[in-house]
Amino acid sequence: MTDRDWETEMKKIDRAMGKVSDDTLVASAKAPVASSAAFRTGSVSPPTAKSRFGMFARLGLAVALGVGIAFWPYGARCGAGLAAYLGAVLVLVTAGGWSAISAWGHRSGRTHVLALLILVWGLVLASIEVLPRVGYAIPTVSHPADWTCS
């Protein structure tokens, strides 16, 4: 180990603490602490009402797309219909991720959870169509193994 004399070190610390008044110690203990490094450095401003509206608007559009895609009106078995459906699912996953990131930045827990549920819903929809076609799941009549129409 080291050859330090801890008794001497502790005496130095006691002398340094003796020079500081109790009022100064109490005032520094009650100083507000910033919630994150970004707010301390001033590189990120706190959320405003306008930015919260944007967060809820993104989430609302993602929820609308998530509900609407369950009622997809076109054929999505193969070909261009499948490509359009998977494109819409990609937009849903992107909207869910974007909403989740926005909600995380605004420290909005419920909104973040809802956005993550939308993200997972999009991944489930994508996996239902993609997994039978790549050989990981059993193909069915509504989800064949072919990407193109015969």
C-alpha atoms as a PDB file:
ATOM      1  CA  MET A   1       0.000   0.000   0.000  1.00  0.00           C
ATOM      2  CA  THR A   2       1.097   3.593   0.512  1.00  0.00           C
ATOM      3  CA  ASP A   3       3.124   5.099   3.275  1.00  0.00           C
ATOM      4  CA  ARG A   4       0.577   7.845   3.943  1.00  0.00           C
ATOM      5  CA  ASP A   5      -0.067   9.074   7.438  1.00  0.00           C
ATOM      6  CA  TRP A   6      -3.846   9.205   7.513  1.00  0.00           C
ATOM      7  CA  GLU A   7      -3.951  10.973  10.870  1.00  0.00           C
ATOM      8  CA  THR A   8      -2.080  13.926   9.370  1.00  0.00           C
ATOM      9  CA  GLU A   9      -4.307  13.901   6.281  1.00  0.00           C
ATOM     10  CA  MET A  10      -7.479  13.928   8.418  1.00  0.00           C
ATOM     11  CA  LYS A  11      -6.126  16.846  10.479  1.00  0.00           C
ATOM     12  CA  LYS A  12      -5.567  18.829   7.273  1.00  0.00           C
ATOM     13  CA  ILE A  13      -9.141  18.126   6.208  1.00  0.00           C
ATOM     14  CA  ASP A  14     -10.478  19.160   9.626  1.00  0.00           C
ATOM     15  CA  ARG A  15      -8.535  22.440   9.460  1.00  0.00           C
ATOM     16  CA  ALA A  16      -9.876  23.154   5.952  1.00  0.00           C
ATOM     17  CA  MET A  17     -13.443  22.465   7.065  1.00  0.00           C
ATOM     18  CA  GLY A  18     -12.930  24.653  10.151  1.00  0.00           C
ATOM     19  CA  LYS A  19     -12.170  27.647   7.930  1.00  0.00           C
ATOM     20  CA  VAL A  20     -15.588  27.437   6.219  1.00  0.00           C
ATOM     21  CA  SER A  21     -18.574  28.768   8.163  1.00  0.00           C
ATOM     22  CA  ASP A  22     -21.660  26.631   8.780  1.00  0.00           C
ATOM     23  CA  ASP A  23     -23.853  29.126   6.891  1.00  0.00           C
ATOM     24  CA  THR A  24     -21.745  28.712   3.765  1.00  0.00           C
ATOM     25  CA  LEU A  25     -21.959  24.925   3.973  1.00  0.00           C
ATOM     26  CA  VAL A  26     -25.758  25.011   4.434  1.00  0.00           C
ATOM     27  CA  ALA A  27     -26.223  27.472   1.558  1.00  0.00           C
ATOM     28  CA  SER A  28     -24.156  25.356  -0.808  1.00  0.00           C
ATOM     29  CA  ALA A  29     -26.092  22.224   0.208  1.00  0.00           C
ATOM     30  CA  LYS A  30     -29.400  23.932  -0.668  1.00  0.00           C
ATOM     31  CA  ALA A  31     -28.210  25.113  -4.097  1.00  0.00           C
ATOM     32  CA  PRO A  32     -30.431  23.874  -6.949  1.00  0.00           C
ATOM     33  CA  VAL A  33     -29.052  20.996  -8.936  1.00  0.00           C
ATOM     34  CA  ALA A  34     -29.635  20.892 -12.680  1.00  0.00           C
ATOM     35  CA  SER A  35     -31.457  17.812 -13.952  1.00  0.00           C
ATOM     36  CA  SER A  36     -29.048  17.090 -16.780  1.00  0.00           C
ATOM     37  CA  ALA A  37     -25.710  18.153 -18.169  1.00  0.00           C
ATOM     38  CA  ALA A  38     -27.355  19.727 -21.213  1.00  0.00           C
ATOM     39  CA  PHE A  39     -29.387  22.110 -19.068  1.00  0.00           C
ATOM     40  CA  ARG A  40     -26.330  22.968 -16.944  1.00  0.00           C
ATOM     41  CA  THR A  41     -24.251  23.869 -19.976  1.00  0.00           C
ATOM     42  CA  GLY A  42     -27.102  25.745 -21.607  1.00  0.00           C
ATOM     43  CA  SER A  43     -26.855  23.788 -24.854  1.00  0.00           C
ATOM     44  CA  VAL A  44     -30.484  22.611 -24.608  1.00  0.00           C
ATOM     45  CA  SER A  45     -33.357  24.798 -23.539  1.00  0.00           C
ATOM     46  CA  PRO A  46     -36.160  23.456 -21.361  1.00  0.00           C
ATOM     47  CA  PRO A  47     -39.289  22.257 -23.174  1.00  0.00           C
ATOM     48  CA  THR A  48     -41.750  24.979 -24.110  1.00  0.00           C
ATOM     49  CA  ALA A  49     -45.494  24.815 -24.695  1.00  0.00           C
ATOM     50  CA  LYS A  50     -44.886  25.001 -28.443  1.00  0.00           C
ATOM     51  CA  SER A  51     -42.486  22.056 -28.392  1.00  0.00           C
ATOM     52  CA  ARG A  52     -44.886  20.040 -26.194  1.00  0.00           C
ATOM     53  CA  PHE A  53     -47.612  20.674 -28.759  1.00  0.00           C
ATOM     54  CA  GLY A  54     -45.281  19.312 -31.428  1.00  0.00           C
ATOM     55  CA  MET A  55     -44.632  16.221 -29.315  1.00  0.00           C
ATOM     56  CA  PHE A  56     -48.364  15.548 -28.925  1.00  0.00           C
ATOM     57  CA  ALA A  57     -48.981  16.261 -32.620  1.00  0.00           C
ATOM     58  CA  ARG A  58     -46.335  13.684 -33.610  1.00  0.00           C
ATOM     59  CA  LEU A  59     -47.824  11.180 -31.194  1.00  0.00           C
ATOM     60  CA  GLY A  60     -51.364  11.847 -32.447  1.00  0.00           C
ATOM     61  CA  LEU A  61     -50.346  11.254 -36.052  1.00  0.00           C
ATOM     62  CA  ALA A  62     -48.505   8.069 -35.075  1.00  0.00           C
ATOM     63  CA  VAL A  63     -51.550   6.778 -33.173  1.00  0.00           C
ATOM     64  CA  ALA A  64     -53.825   7.600 -36.121  1.00  0.00           C
ATOM     65  CA  LEU A  65     -51.513   5.727 -38.480  1.00  0.00           C
ATOM     66  CA  GLY A  66     -51.267   2.801 -36.056  1.00  0.00           C
ATOM     67  CA  VAL A  67     -55.044   2.476 -35.869  1.00  0.00           C
ATOM     68  CA  GLY A  68     -55.578   3.134 -39.571  1.00  0.00           C
ATOM     69  CA  ILE A  69     -53.066   0.542 -40.735  1.00  0.00           C
ATOM     70  CA  ALA A  70     -55.142  -2.158 -39.034  1.00  0.00           C
ATOM     71  CA  PHE A  71     -57.810  -1.366 -41.652  1.00  0.00           C
ATOM     72  CA  TRP A  72     -55.457  -1.429 -44.678  1.00  0.00           C
ATOM     73  CA  PRO A  73     -57.836  -1.406 -47.678  1.00  0.00           C
ATOM     74  CA  TYR A  74     -55.513  -2.821 -50.356  1.00  0.00           C
ATOM     75  CA  GLY A  75     -54.153  -6.286 -51.026  1.00  0.00           C
ATOM     76  CA  ALA A  76     -50.820  -6.906 -49.322  1.00  0.00           C
ATOM     77  CA  ARG A  77     -50.115 -10.519 -50.277  1.00  0.00           C
ATOM     78  CA  CYS A  78     -47.413  -9.848 -52.860  1.00  0.00           C
ATOM     79  CA  GLY A  79     -45.902  -7.398 -55.314  1.00  0.00           C
ATOM     80  CA  ALA A  80     -46.584  -3.668 -55.250  1.00  0.00           C
ATOM     81  CA  GLY A  81     -49.370  -4.006 -52.669  1.00  0.00           C
ATOM     82  CA  LEU A  82     -46.947  -5.692 -50.276  1.00  0.00           C
ATOM     83  CA  ALA A  83     -44.302  -3.045 -50.940  1.00  0.00           C
ATOM     84  CA  ALA A  84     -46.795  -0.250 -50.234  1.00  0.00           C
ATOM     85  CA  TYR A  85     -47.961  -1.947 -47.038  1.00  0.00           C
ATOM     86  CA  LEU A  86     -44.410  -2.488 -45.794  1.00  0.00           C
ATOM     87  CA  GLY A  87     -43.635   1.134 -46.660  1.00  0.00           C
ATOM     88  CA  ALA A  88     -46.575   2.263 -44.531  1.00  0.00           C
ATOM     89  CA  VAL A  89     -45.402  -0.007 -41.719  1.00  0.00           C
ATOM     90  CA  LEU A  90     -41.934   1.547 -42.005  1.00  0.00           C
ATOM     91  CA  VAL A  91     -43.522   4.999 -41.658  1.00  0.00           C
ATOM     92  CA  LEU A  92     -45.385   3.731 -38.571  1.00  0.00           C
ATOM     93  CA  VAL A  93     -42.189   2.416 -36.966  1.00  0.00           C
ATOM     94  CA  THR A  94     -40.405   5.680 -37.761  1.00  0.00           C
ATOM     95  CA  ALA A  95     -43.267   7.753 -36.334  1.00  0.00           C
ATOM     96  CA  GLY A  96     -43.300   5.647 -33.168  1.00  0.00           C
ATOM     97  CA  GLY A  97     -39.551   5.995 -32.713  1.00  0.00           C
ATOM     98  CA  TRP A  98     -39.629   9.721 -33.412  1.00  0.00           C
ATOM     99  CA  SER A  99     -42.465  10.197 -30.920  1.00  0.00           C
ATOM    100  CA  ALA A 100     -40.624   8.115 -28.322  1.00  0.00           C
ATOM    101  CA  ILE A 101     -37.477  10.213 -28.677  1.00  0.00           C
ATOM    102  CA  SER A 102     -39.495  13.417 -28.443  1.00  0.00           C
ATOM    103  CA  ALA A 103     -41.379  12.195 -25.370  1.00  0.00           C
ATOM    104  CA  TRP A 104     -38.137  11.125 -23.722  1.00  0.00           C
ATOM    105  CA  GLY A 105     -36.707  14.597 -24.244  1.00  0.00           C
ATOM    106  CA  HIS A 106     -39.807  16.174 -22.696  1.00  0.00           C
ATOM    107  CA  ARG A 107     -39.698  13.799 -19.700  1.00  0.00           C
ATOM    108  CA  SER A 108     -43.242  12.670 -20.478  1.00  0.00           C
ATOM    109  CA  GLY A 109     -43.524   9.102 -19.211  1.00  0.00           C
ATOM    110  CA  ARG A 110     -47.003   8.122 -20.395  1.00  0.00           C
ATOM    111  CA  THR A 111     -46.420   9.632 -23.814  1.00  0.00           C
ATOM    112  CA  HIS A 112     -43.120   7.771 -24.080  1.00  0.00           C
ATOM    113  CA  VAL A 113     -44.753   4.444 -23.206  1.00  0.00           C
ATOM    114  CA  LEU A 114     -47.526   5.006 -25.755  1.00  0.00           C
ATOM    115  CA  ALA A 115     -44.962   5.873 -28.424  1.00  0.00           C
ATOM    116  CA  LEU A 116     -43.007   2.703 -27.627  1.00  0.00           C
ATOM    117  CA  LEU A 117     -46.230   0.670 -27.925  1.00  0.00           C
ATOM    118  CA  ILE A 118     -46.770   2.172 -31.381  1.00  0.00           C
ATOM    119  CA  LEU A 119     -43.198   1.277 -32.291  1.00  0.00           C
ATOM    120  CA  VAL A 120     -43.712  -2.315 -31.143  1.00  0.00           C
ATOM    121  CA  TRP A 121     -47.057  -2.508 -33.013  1.00  0.00           C
ATOM    122  CA  GLY A 122     -45.261  -1.523 -36.219  1.00  0.00           C
ATOM    123  CA  LEU A 123     -42.542  -4.114 -35.644  1.00  0.00           C
ATOM    124  CA  VAL A 124     -45.178  -6.809 -35.054  1.00  0.00           C
ATOM    125  CA  LEU A 125     -46.980  -5.884 -38.281  1.00  0.00           C
ATOM    126  CA  ALA A 126     -43.699  -5.961 -40.189  1.00  0.00           C
ATOM    127  CA  SER A 127     -42.712  -9.314 -38.730  1.00  0.00           C
ATOM    128  CA  ILE A 128     -46.068 -10.866 -39.682  1.00  0.00           C
ATOM    129  CA  GLU A 129     -45.330 -10.083 -43.334  1.00  0.00           C
ATOM    130  CA  VAL A 130     -41.557 -10.505 -43.472  1.00  0.00           C
ATOM    131  CA  LEU A 131     -40.842 -13.606 -41.382  1.00  0.00           C
ATOM    132  CA  PRO A 132     -42.762 -16.111 -43.575  1.00  0.00           C
ATOM    133  CA  ARG A 133     -41.007 -14.738 -46.640  1.00  0.00           C
ATOM    134  CA  VAL A 134     -37.502 -15.139 -45.230  1.00  0.00           C
ATOM    135  CA  GLY A 135     -38.164 -18.680 -44.035  1.00  0.00           C
ATOM    136  CA  TYR A 136     -38.387 -18.045 -40.299  1.00  0.00           C
ATOM    137  CA  ALA A 137     -42.155 -18.565 -39.915  1.00  0.00           C
ATOM    138  CA  ILE A 138     -44.572 -20.982 -41.543  1.00  0.00           C
ATOM    139  CA  PRO A 139     -46.211 -19.463 -44.649  1.00  0.00           C
ATOM    140  CA  THR A 140     -50.010 -19.358 -44.785  1.00  0.00           C
ATOM    141  CA  VAL A 141     -52.531 -18.492 -47.487  1.00  0.00           C
ATOM    142  CA  SER A 142     -52.719 -14.854 -46.368  1.00  0.00           C
ATOM    143  CA  HIS A 143     -48.943 -14.627 -45.770  1.00  0.00           C
ATOM    144  CA  PRO A 144     -47.239 -16.658 -48.530  1.00  0.00           C
ATOM    145  CA  ALA A 145     -43.519 -17.306 -48.873  1.00  0.00           C
ATOM    146  CA  ASP A 146     -43.218 -15.351 -52.141  1.00  0.00           C
ATOM    147  CA  TRP A 147     -42.444 -11.654 -52.445  1.00  0.00           C
ATOM    148  CA  THR A 148     -43.764 -11.349 -55.987  1.00  0.00           C
ATOM    149  CA  CYS A 149     -47.088 -12.365 -57.489  1.00  0.00           C
ATOM    150  CA  SER A 150     -47.105 -15.333 -59.857  1.00  0.00           C
END
